[in-house]
Amino acid sequence: MNSPSARTNRREEVADWIAAEIKRLGPGAKLPSMRAMMLKFSTSQRVIEAALSPFVAEGRLISRRGQGIVIASPAAPDADEAVE
């Protein structure tokens, strides 16, 4: 079994790769499947989910079961934040 620090390092490695893919691919593009990422990084689903979670929470990725993981379009600025 991997130590907690090994899992954290692997999660960070996967998260860094995801961030780079978001920049490289752009809005509307799909990331590889969960299984493909598990194989690419030789890690568990739990580690991949932990790496994806912050991006989904921030709205940078949209994850739907059976439909994959899609890079979200940048949000339009709120009316309150608009410069007048």
C-alpha atoms as a PDB file:
ATOM      1  CA  MET A   1       0.000   0.000   0.000  1.00  0.00           C
ATOM      2  CA  ASN A   2       1.261   3.488  -0.821  1.00  0.00           C
ATOM      3  CA  SER A   3       2.027   5.871   1.999  1.00  0.00           C
ATOM      4  CA  PRO A   4      -0.150   8.992   2.398  1.00  0.00           C
ATOM      5  CA  SER A   5       2.698  11.204   1.148  1.00  0.00           C
ATOM      6  CA  ALA A   6       3.120   9.056  -1.981  1.00  0.00           C
ATOM      7  CA  ARG A   7      -0.607   9.405  -2.710  1.00  0.00           C
ATOM      8  CA  THR A   8      -0.397  13.174  -2.160  1.00  0.00           C
ATOM      9  CA  ASN A   9       2.576  13.468  -4.502  1.00  0.00           C
ATOM     10  CA  ARG A  10       0.787  11.402  -7.138  1.00  0.00           C
ATOM     11  CA  ARG A  11      -2.366  13.509  -6.709  1.00  0.00           C
ATOM     12  CA  GLU A  12      -0.301  16.665  -7.187  1.00  0.00           C
ATOM     13  CA  GLU A  13       1.347  15.169 -10.275  1.00  0.00           C
ATOM     14  CA  VAL A  14      -2.066  14.351 -11.758  1.00  0.00           C
ATOM     15  CA  ALA A  15      -3.462  17.787 -10.805  1.00  0.00           C
ATOM     16  CA  ASP A  16      -0.512  19.528 -12.482  1.00  0.00           C
ATOM     17  CA  TRP A  17      -1.101  17.487 -15.633  1.00  0.00           C
ATOM     18  CA  ILE A  18      -4.831  18.312 -15.583  1.00  0.00           C
ATOM     19  CA  ALA A  19      -4.067  22.042 -15.244  1.00  0.00           C
ATOM     20  CA  ALA A  20      -1.725  21.832 -18.234  1.00  0.00           C
ATOM     21  CA  GLU A  21      -4.349  19.940 -20.269  1.00  0.00           C
ATOM     22  CA  ILE A  22      -6.997  22.577 -19.467  1.00  0.00           C
ATOM     23  CA  LYS A  23      -4.682  25.260 -20.879  1.00  0.00           C
ATOM     24  CA  ARG A  24      -3.606  23.153 -23.853  1.00  0.00           C
ATOM     25  CA  LEU A  25      -7.024  21.875 -24.938  1.00  0.00           C
ATOM     26  CA  GLY A  26      -9.335  24.759 -24.069  1.00  0.00           C
ATOM     27  CA  PRO A  27     -13.076  24.998 -23.355  1.00  0.00           C
ATOM     28  CA  GLY A  28     -15.342  22.247 -24.624  1.00  0.00           C
ATOM     29  CA  ALA A  29     -12.572  19.660 -24.994  1.00  0.00           C
ATOM     30  CA  LYS A  30     -12.796  16.351 -23.179  1.00  0.00           C
ATOM     31  CA  LEU A  31     -10.125  15.017 -20.877  1.00  0.00           C
ATOM     32  CA  PRO A  32      -9.224  11.337 -21.112  1.00  0.00           C
ATOM     33  CA  SER A  33     -11.490   8.935 -19.253  1.00  0.00           C
ATOM     34  CA  MET A  34     -10.967   8.195 -15.586  1.00  0.00           C
ATOM     35  CA  ARG A  35      -9.687   4.739 -16.543  1.00  0.00           C
ATOM     36  CA  ALA A  36      -7.244   6.174 -19.082  1.00  0.00           C
ATOM     37  CA  MET A  37      -5.864   8.558 -16.448  1.00  0.00           C
ATOM     38  CA  MET A  38      -5.590   5.704 -13.955  1.00  0.00           C
ATOM     39  CA  LEU A  39      -3.513   3.753 -16.470  1.00  0.00           C
ATOM     40  CA  LYS A  40      -1.430   6.787 -17.531  1.00  0.00           C
ATOM     41  CA  PHE A  41      -0.417   7.547 -13.950  1.00  0.00           C
ATOM     42  CA  SER A  42      -0.495   3.960 -12.634  1.00  0.00           C
ATOM     43  CA  THR A  43      -2.699   5.000  -9.762  1.00  0.00           C
ATOM     44  CA  SER A  44      -6.109   4.432  -8.231  1.00  0.00           C
ATOM     45  CA  GLN A  45      -9.453   5.976  -9.062  1.00  0.00           C
ATOM     46  CA  ARG A  46      -9.415   7.615  -5.640  1.00  0.00           C
ATOM     47  CA  VAL A  47      -6.221   9.545  -6.484  1.00  0.00           C
ATOM     48  CA  ILE A  48      -7.605  10.668  -9.874  1.00  0.00           C
ATOM     49  CA  GLU A  49     -10.861  11.801  -8.244  1.00  0.00           C
ATOM     50  CA  ALA A  50      -8.899  13.729  -5.588  1.00  0.00           C
ATOM     51  CA  ALA A  51      -6.913  15.485  -8.329  1.00  0.00           C
ATOM     52  CA  LEU A  52     -10.041  16.329 -10.357  1.00  0.00           C
ATOM     53  CA  SER A  53     -12.146  17.483  -7.418  1.00  0.00           C
ATOM     54  CA  PRO A  54     -10.746  21.028  -7.004  1.00  0.00           C
ATOM     55  CA  PHE A  55     -11.129  21.728 -10.742  1.00  0.00           C
ATOM     56  CA  VAL A  56     -14.750  20.579 -10.669  1.00  0.00           C
ATOM     57  CA  ALA A  57     -15.443  22.606  -7.503  1.00  0.00           C
ATOM     58  CA  GLU A  58     -13.954  25.721  -9.145  1.00  0.00           C
ATOM     59  CA  GLY A  59     -16.120  25.181 -12.215  1.00  0.00           C
ATOM     60  CA  ARG A  60     -13.124  24.627 -14.505  1.00  0.00           C
ATOM     61  CA  LEU A  61     -14.236  21.069 -15.329  1.00  0.00           C
ATOM     62  CA  ILE A  62     -17.646  19.484 -15.746  1.00  0.00           C
ATOM     63  CA  SER A  63     -17.852  15.801 -14.872  1.00  0.00           C
ATOM     64  CA  ARG A  64     -20.918  13.749 -15.755  1.00  0.00           C
ATOM     65  CA  ARG A  65     -21.121  10.024 -15.218  1.00  0.00           C
ATOM     66  CA  GLY A  66     -21.092   8.253 -18.558  1.00  0.00           C
ATOM     67  CA  GLN A  67     -20.338  11.448 -20.501  1.00  0.00           C
ATOM     68  CA  GLY A  68     -16.775  12.154 -19.452  1.00  0.00           C
ATOM     69  CA  ILE A  69     -14.921  15.143 -18.137  1.00  0.00           C
ATOM     70  CA  VAL A  70     -15.253  18.346 -20.177  1.00  0.00           C
ATOM     71  CA  ILE A  71     -13.332  21.587 -19.833  1.00  0.00           C
ATOM     72  CA  ALA A  72     -15.822  24.297 -18.912  1.00  0.00           C
ATOM     73  CA  SER A  73     -16.147  27.583 -20.740  1.00  0.00           C
ATOM     74  CA  PRO A  74     -14.894  30.563 -18.781  1.00  0.00           C
ATOM     75  CA  ALA A  75     -17.701  32.129 -16.764  1.00  0.00           C
ATOM     76  CA  ALA A  76     -19.008  35.479 -17.857  1.00  0.00           C
ATOM     77  CA  PRO A  77     -18.316  38.180 -15.284  1.00  0.00           C
ATOM     78  CA  ASP A  78     -21.146  38.859 -12.855  1.00  0.00           C
ATOM     79  CA  ALA A  79     -23.114  42.059 -13.399  1.00  0.00           C
ATOM     80  CA  ASP A  80     -21.858  43.279 -10.020  1.00  0.00           C
ATOM     81  CA  GLU A  81     -18.266  42.871 -11.196  1.00  0.00           C
ATOM     82  CA  ALA A  82     -18.729  44.595 -14.548  1.00  0.00           C
ATOM     83  CA  VAL A  83     -16.768  47.768 -15.079  1.00  0.00           C
ATOM     84  CA  GLU A  84     -18.976  50.749 -15.835  1.00  0.00           C
END
